[in-house]
PDB file of N, CA and C in Angstrom:
ATOM      1  N   MET A   1      61.099  -9.875  30.386  1.00  0.00           N
ATOM      2  CA  MET A   1      61.363  -9.256  29.118  1.00  0.00           C
ATOM      3  C   MET A   1      62.433 -10.066  28.380  1.00  0.00           C
ATOM      4  N   MET A   2      62.223 -10.237  27.055  1.00  0.00           N
ATOM      5  CA  MET A   2      63.157 -11.017  26.252  1.00  0.00           C
ATOM      6  C   MET A   2      64.397 -10.203  25.928  1.00  0.00           C
ATOM      7  N   GLY A   3      65.494 -10.923  25.923  1.00  0.00           N
ATOM      8  CA  GLY A   3      66.729 -10.279  25.525  1.00  0.00           C
ATOM      9  C   GLY A   3      66.827 -10.218  24.005  1.00  0.00           C
ATOM     10  N   VAL A   4      67.787  -9.479  23.521  1.00  0.00           N
ATOM     11  CA  VAL A   4      67.972  -9.312  22.078  1.00  0.00           C
ATOM     12  C   VAL A   4      68.257 -10.660  21.418  1.00  0.00           C
ATOM     13  N   ASP A   5      69.080 -11.473  22.026  1.00  0.00           N
ATOM     14  CA  ASP A   5      69.400 -12.784  21.450  1.00  0.00           C
ATOM     15  C   ASP A   5      68.159 -13.663  21.356  1.00  0.00           C
ATOM     16  N   GLU A   6      67.336 -13.638  22.381  1.00  0.00           N
ATOM     17  CA  GLU A   6      66.097 -14.431  22.367  1.00  0.00           C
ATOM     18  C   GLU A   6      65.161 -13.928  21.290  1.00  0.00           C
ATOM     19  N   ARG A   7      65.057 -12.621  21.139  1.00  0.00           N
ATOM     20  CA  ARG A   7      64.190 -12.042  20.105  1.00  0.00           C
ATOM     21  C   ARG A   7      64.693 -12.419  18.706  1.00  0.00           C
ATOM     22  N   ILE A   8      65.977 -12.360  18.508  1.00  0.00           N
ATOM     23  CA  ILE A   8      66.547 -12.729  17.204  1.00  0.00           C
ATOM     24  C   ILE A   8      66.290 -14.206  16.921  1.00  0.00           C
ATOM     25  N   THR A   9      66.478 -15.042  17.923  1.00  0.00           N
ATOM     26  CA  THR A   9      66.224 -16.477  17.757  1.00  0.00           C
ATOM     27  C   THR A   9      64.756 -16.721  17.410  1.00  0.00           C
ATOM     28  N   GLU A  10      63.854 -16.025  18.110  1.00  0.00           N
ATOM     29  CA  GLU A  10      62.415 -16.157  17.823  1.00  0.00           C
ATOM     30  C   GLU A  10      62.097 -15.707  16.396  1.00  0.00           C
ATOM     31  N   LEU A  11      62.652 -14.592  15.982  1.00  0.00           N
ATOM     32  CA  LEU A  11      62.418 -14.093  14.616  1.00  0.00           C
ATOM     33  C   LEU A  11      62.981 -15.040  13.564  1.00  0.00           C
ATOM     34  N   GLU A  12      64.159 -15.596  13.824  1.00  0.00           N
ATOM     35  CA  GLU A  12      64.738 -16.557  12.892  1.00  0.00           C
ATOM     36  C   GLU A  12      63.873 -17.802  12.780  1.00  0.00           C
ATOM     37  N   SER A  13      63.335 -18.232  13.904  1.00  0.00           N
ATOM     38  CA  SER A  13      62.457 -19.398  13.915  1.00  0.00           C
ATOM     39  C   SER A  13      61.189 -19.126  13.106  1.00  0.00           C
ATOM     40  N   ARG A  14      60.590 -17.972  13.326  1.00  0.00           N
ATOM     41  CA  ARG A  14      59.393 -17.604  12.567  1.00  0.00           C
ATOM     42  C   ARG A  14      59.683 -17.503  11.070  1.00  0.00           C
ATOM     43  N   LEU A  15      60.822 -16.918  10.731  1.00  0.00           N
ATOM     44  CA  LEU A  15      61.198 -16.788   9.329  1.00  0.00           C
ATOM     45  C   LEU A  15      61.360 -18.157   8.677  1.00  0.00           C
ATOM     46  N   ALA A  16      61.996 -19.077   9.373  1.00  0.00           N
ATOM     47  CA  ALA A  16      62.174 -20.430   8.836  1.00  0.00           C
ATOM     48  C   ALA A  16      60.823 -21.101   8.625  1.00  0.00           C
ATOM     49  N   PHE A  17      59.917 -20.943   9.589  1.00  0.00           N
ATOM     50  CA  PHE A  17      58.579 -21.520   9.459  1.00  0.00           C
ATOM     51  C   PHE A  17      57.846 -20.901   8.271  1.00  0.00           C
ATOM     52  N   GLN A  18      57.944 -19.582   8.122  1.00  0.00           N
ATOM     53  CA  GLN A  18      57.284 -18.905   7.000  1.00  0.00           C
ATOM     54  C   GLN A  18      57.867 -19.348   5.669  1.00  0.00           C
ATOM     55  N   ASP A  19      59.180 -19.526   5.600  1.00  0.00           N
ATOM     56  CA  ASP A  19      59.807 -20.016   4.372  1.00  0.00           C
ATOM     57  C   ASP A  19      59.283 -21.400   4.012  1.00  0.00           C
ATOM     58  N   ASP A  20      59.175 -22.277   5.003  1.00  0.00           N
ATOM     59  CA  ASP A  20      58.636 -23.625   4.754  1.00  0.00           C
ATOM     60  C   ASP A  20      57.190 -23.553   4.272  1.00  0.00           C
ATOM     61  N   THR A  21      56.401 -22.686   4.896  1.00  0.00           N
ATOM     62  CA  THR A  21      54.990 -22.544   4.517  1.00  0.00           C
ATOM     63  C   THR A  21      54.867 -22.016   3.092  1.00  0.00           C
ATOM     64  N   ILE A  22      55.663 -21.023   2.763  1.00  0.00           N
ATOM     65  CA  ILE A  22      55.627 -20.460   1.406  1.00  0.00           C
ATOM     66  C   ILE A  22      56.018 -21.524   0.384  1.00  0.00           C
ATOM     67  N   GLN A  23      57.027 -22.310   0.673  1.00  0.00           N
ATOM     68  CA  GLN A  23      57.440 -23.368  -0.257  1.00  0.00           C
ATOM     69  C   GLN A  23      56.338 -24.411  -0.419  1.00  0.00           C
ATOM     70  N   ALA A  24      55.692 -24.782   0.681  1.00  0.00           N
ATOM     71  CA  ALA A  24      54.596 -25.760   0.605  1.00  0.00           C
ATOM     72  C   ALA A  24      53.441 -25.206  -0.227  1.00  0.00           C
ATOM     73  N   LEU A  25      53.098 -23.951  -0.026  1.00  0.00           N
ATOM     74  CA  LEU A  25      52.031 -23.329  -0.801  1.00  0.00           C
ATOM     75  C   LEU A  25      52.402 -23.248  -2.283  1.00  0.00           C
ATOM     76  N   ASN A  26      53.652 -22.943  -2.562  1.00  0.00           N
ATOM     77  CA  ASN A  26      54.108 -22.884  -3.947  1.00  0.00           C
ATOM     78  C   ASN A  26      54.016 -24.258  -4.601  1.00  0.00           C
ATOM     79  N   ASP A  27      54.397 -25.301  -3.876  1.00  0.00           N
ATOM     80  CA  ASP A  27      54.307 -26.662  -4.417  1.00  0.00           C
ATOM     81  C   ASP A  27      52.868 -27.019  -4.757  1.00  0.00           C
ATOM     82  N   VAL A  28      51.943 -26.654  -3.883  1.00  0.00           N
ATOM     83  CA  VAL A  28      50.525 -26.923  -4.138  1.00  0.00           C
ATOM     84  C   VAL A  28      50.050 -26.129  -5.351  1.00  0.00           C
ATOM     85  N   LEU A  29      50.458 -24.895  -5.443  1.00  0.00           N
ATOM     86  CA  LEU A  29      50.072 -24.048  -6.565  1.00  0.00           C
ATOM     87  C   LEU A  29      50.569 -24.619  -7.885  1.00  0.00           C
ATOM     88  N   VAL A  30      51.804 -25.089  -7.917  1.00  0.00           N
ATOM     89  CA  VAL A  30      52.357 -25.688  -9.134  1.00  0.00           C
ATOM     90  C   VAL A  30      51.568 -26.947  -9.511  1.00  0.00           C
ATOM     91  N   ALA A  31      51.254 -27.768  -8.549  1.00  0.00           N
ATOM     92  CA  ALA A  31      50.483 -28.986  -8.813  1.00  0.00           C
ATOM     93  C   ALA A  31      49.095 -28.638  -9.341  1.00  0.00           C
ATOM     94  N   GLN A  32      48.452 -27.645  -8.758  1.00  0.00           N
ATOM     95  CA  GLN A  32      47.129 -27.245  -9.213  1.00  0.00           C
ATOM     96  C   GLN A  32      47.182 -26.672 -10.624  1.00  0.00           C
ATOM     97  N   GLN A  33      48.236 -25.952 -10.942  1.00  0.00           N
ATOM     98  CA  GLN A  33      48.390 -25.408 -12.289  1.00  0.00           C
ATOM     99  C   GLN A  33      48.503 -26.534 -13.313  1.00  0.00           C
ATOM    100  N   ARG A  34      49.235 -27.574 -12.960  1.00  0.00           N
ATOM    101  CA  ARG A  34      49.356 -28.732 -13.862  1.00  0.00           C
ATOM    102  C   ARG A  34      47.997 -29.390 -14.075  1.00  0.00           C
ATOM    103  N   VAL A  35      47.247 -29.563 -13.000  1.00  0.00           N
ATOM    104  CA  VAL A  35      45.909 -30.159 -13.106  1.00  0.00           C
ATOM    105  C   VAL A  35      45.016 -29.275 -13.971  1.00  0.00           C
ATOM    106  N   LEU A  36      45.077 -27.973 -13.758  1.00  0.00           N
ATOM    107  CA  LEU A  36      44.261 -27.042 -14.529  1.00  0.00           C
ATOM    108  C   LEU A  36      44.596 -27.118 -16.016  1.00  0.00           C
ATOM    109  N   GLU A  37      45.871 -27.155 -16.345  1.00  0.00           N
ATOM    110  CA  GLU A  37      46.270 -27.256 -17.753  1.00  0.00           C
ATOM    111  C   GLU A  37      45.768 -28.560 -18.372  1.00  0.00           C
ATOM    112  N   ARG A  38      45.868 -29.660 -17.618  1.00  0.00           N
ATOM    113  CA  ARG A  38      45.381 -30.951 -18.121  1.00  0.00           C
ATOM    114  C   ARG A  38      43.867 -30.913 -18.340  1.00  0.00           C
ATOM    115  N   LEU A  39      43.144 -30.313 -17.409  1.00  0.00           N
ATOM    116  CA  LEU A  39      41.690 -30.214 -17.551  1.00  0.00           C
ATOM    117  C   LEU A  39      41.300 -29.328 -18.734  1.00  0.00           C
ATOM    118  N   GLN A  40      42.051 -28.245 -18.960  1.00  0.00           N
ATOM    119  CA  GLN A  40      41.770 -27.385 -20.106  1.00  0.00           C
ATOM    120  C   GLN A  40      41.951 -28.141 -21.418  1.00  0.00           C
ATOM    121  N   LEU A  41      42.992 -28.976 -21.492  1.00  0.00           N
ATOM    122  CA  LEU A  41      43.194 -29.784 -22.695  1.00  0.00           C
ATOM    123  C   LEU A  41      42.055 -30.785 -22.882  1.00  0.00           C
ATOM    124  N   GLN A  42      41.629 -31.394 -21.790  1.00  0.00           N
ATOM    125  CA  GLN A  42      40.528 -32.359 -21.876  1.00  0.00           C
ATOM    126  C   GLN A  42      39.244 -31.675 -22.317  1.00  0.00           C
ATOM    127  N   ILE A  43      38.987 -30.486 -21.818  1.00  0.00           N
ATOM    128  CA  ILE A  43      37.783 -29.754 -22.216  1.00  0.00           C
ATOM    129  C   ILE A  43      37.844 -29.399 -23.691  1.00  0.00           C
ATOM    130  N   ALA A  44      39.021 -28.999 -24.168  1.00  0.00           N
ATOM    131  CA  ALA A  44      39.169 -28.670 -25.589  1.00  0.00           C
ATOM    132  C   ALA A  44      38.882 -29.888 -26.459  1.00  0.00           C
ATOM    133  N   VAL A  45      39.387 -31.059 -26.047  1.00  0.00           N
ATOM    134  CA  VAL A  45      39.135 -32.287 -26.802  1.00  0.00           C
ATOM    135  C   VAL A  45      37.643 -32.613 -26.794  1.00  0.00           C
ATOM    136  N   LEU A  46      37.016 -32.503 -25.637  1.00  0.00           N
ATOM    137  CA  LEU A  46      35.578 -32.799 -25.544  1.00  0.00           C
ATOM    138  C   LEU A  46      34.750 -31.814 -26.364  1.00  0.00           C
ATOM    139  N   ALA A  47      35.133 -30.543 -26.357  1.00  0.00           N
ATOM    140  CA  ALA A  47      34.410 -29.542 -27.146  1.00  0.00           C
ATOM    141  C   ALA A  47      34.530 -29.856 -28.631  1.00  0.00           C
ATOM    142  N   LYS A  48      35.711 -30.279 -29.055  1.00  0.00           N
ATOM    143  CA  LYS A  48      35.906 -30.637 -30.462  1.00  0.00           C
ATOM    144  C   LYS A  48      35.050 -31.843 -30.823  1.00  0.00           C
ATOM    145  N   ARG A  49      35.049 -32.855 -29.954  1.00  0.00           N
ATOM    146  CA  ARG A  49      34.215 -34.045 -30.213  1.00  0.00           C
ATOM    147  C   ARG A  49      32.739 -33.675 -30.268  1.00  0.00           C
ATOM    148  N   GLN A  50      32.319 -32.798 -29.366  1.00  0.00           N
ATOM    149  CA  GLN A  50      30.913 -32.374 -29.345  1.00  0.00           C
ATOM    150  C   GLN A  50      30.556 -31.639 -30.624  1.00  0.00           C
ATOM    151  N   ALA A  51      31.454 -30.764 -31.077  1.00  0.00           N
ATOM    152  CA  ALA A  51      31.198 -30.030 -32.321  1.00  0.00           C
ATOM    153  C   ALA A  51      31.114 -30.992 -33.504  1.00  0.00           C
ATOM    154  N   GLU A  52      32.004 -31.972 -33.532  1.00  0.00           N
ATOM    155  CA  GLU A  52      31.965 -32.962 -34.613  1.00  0.00           C
ATOM    156  C   GLU A  52      30.680 -33.769 -34.564  1.00  0.00           C
ATOM    157  N   ALA A  53      30.264 -34.170 -33.380  1.00  0.00           N
ATOM    158  CA  ALA A  53      29.023 -34.937 -33.238  1.00  0.00           C
ATOM    159  C   ALA A  53      27.827 -34.087 -33.651  1.00  0.00           C
ATOM    160  N   ASN A  54      27.824 -32.810 -33.263  1.00  0.00           N
ATOM    161  CA  ASN A  54      26.720 -31.929 -33.638  1.00  0.00           C
ATOM    162  C   ASN A  54      26.659 -31.743 -35.146  1.00  0.00           C
ATOM    163  N   SER A  55      27.796 -31.600 -35.790  1.00  0.00           N
ATOM    164  CA  SER A  55      27.788 -31.408 -37.239  1.00  0.00           C
ATOM    165  C   SER A  55      27.291 -32.668 -37.941  1.00  0.00           C
ATOM    166  N   GLN A  56      27.630 -33.826 -37.434  1.00  0.00           N
ATOM    167  CA  GLN A  56      27.127 -35.070 -38.028  1.00  0.00           C
ATOM    168  C   GLN A  56      25.623 -35.188 -37.814  1.00  0.00           C
ATOM    169  N   PHE A  57      25.151 -34.783 -36.650  1.00  0.00           N
ATOM    170  CA  PHE A  57      23.725 -34.860 -36.354  1.00  0.00           C
ATOM    171  C   PHE A  57      22.941 -33.883 -37.217  1.00  0.00           C
ATOM    172  N   GLU A  58      23.476 -32.692 -37.432  1.00  0.00           N
ATOM    173  CA  GLU A  58      22.797 -31.694 -38.258  1.00  0.00           C
ATOM    174  C   GLU A  58      22.673 -32.170 -39.694  1.00  0.00           C
ATOM    175  N   VAL A  59      23.684 -32.838 -40.201  1.00  0.00           N
ATOM    176  CA  VAL A  59      23.625 -33.370 -41.563  1.00  0.00           C
ATOM    177  C   VAL A  59      22.495 -34.382 -41.653  1.00  0.00           C
ATOM    178  N   ALA A  60      22.367 -35.228 -40.662  1.00  0.00           N
ATOM    179  CA  ALA A  60      21.310 -36.238 -40.670  1.00  0.00           C
ATOM    180  C   ALA A  60      19.938 -35.576 -40.598  1.00  0.00           C
ATOM    181  N   GLU A  61      19.800 -34.497 -39.855  1.00  0.00           N
ATOM    182  CA  GLU A  61      18.514 -33.815 -39.748  1.00  0.00           C
ATOM    183  C   GLU A  61      18.122 -33.136 -41.048  1.00  0.00           C
ATOM    184  N   ASP A  62      19.086 -32.670 -41.813  1.00  0.00           N
ATOM    185  CA  ASP A  62      18.812 -31.960 -43.052  1.00  0.00           C
ATOM    186  C   ASP A  62      18.305 -32.897 -44.148  1.00  0.00           C
ATOM    187  N   GLU A  63      18.538 -34.174 -44.007  1.00  0.00           N
ATOM    188  CA  GLU A  63      18.069 -35.114 -45.008  1.00  0.00           C
ATOM    189  C   GLU A  63      16.555 -35.200 -44.965  1.00  0.00           C
ATOM    190  N   ALA A  64      15.963 -35.332 -46.112  1.00  0.00           N
ATOM    191  CA  ALA A  64      14.498 -35.446 -46.194  1.00  0.00           C
ATOM    192  C   ALA A  64      14.068 -36.772 -45.589  1.00  0.00           C
ATOM    193  N   PRO A  65      12.908 -36.798 -44.958  1.00  0.00           N
ATOM    194  CA  PRO A  65      12.449 -38.073 -44.386  1.00  0.00           C
ATOM    195  C   PRO A  65      12.108 -39.055 -45.510  1.00  0.00           C
ATOM    196  N   PRO A  66      12.147 -40.333 -45.201  1.00  0.00           N
ATOM    197  CA  PRO A  66      11.795 -41.323 -46.228  1.00  0.00           C
ATOM    198  C   PRO A  66      10.362 -41.109 -46.720  1.00  0.00           C
ATOM    199  N   PRO A  67      10.052 -41.586 -47.908  1.00  0.00           N
ATOM    200  CA  PRO A  67       8.732 -41.333 -48.512  1.00  0.00           C
ATOM    201  C   PRO A  67       7.549 -41.878 -47.705  1.00  0.00           C
ATOM    202  N   HIS A  68       7.738 -42.859 -46.868  1.00  0.00           N
ATOM    203  CA  HIS A  68       6.602 -43.432 -46.143  1.00  0.00           C
ATOM    204  C   HIS A  68       6.135 -42.546 -45.002  1.00  0.00           C
ATOM    205  N   TYR A  69       6.795 -41.391 -44.741  1.00  0.00           N
ATOM    206  CA  TYR A  69       6.349 -40.499 -43.663  1.00  0.00           C
ATOM    207  C   TYR A  69       5.281 -39.598 -44.167  1.00  0.00           C
TER     208      TYR A  69
END
């Protein structure tokens, strides 16, 4: 059977390990959030470019075909 001192030492060890794990998980979460924000900005830029390209294409489609058609 473990003594009180051994149990306290074991609990302190587990707590330290859990603190390290939580910090590592937090670091990963922060990094992923940065990546997500960057990807959201890139998607917004691409959506804007796509909308601009679509509007240019629609204008070209609205033009009457040349007389030889």
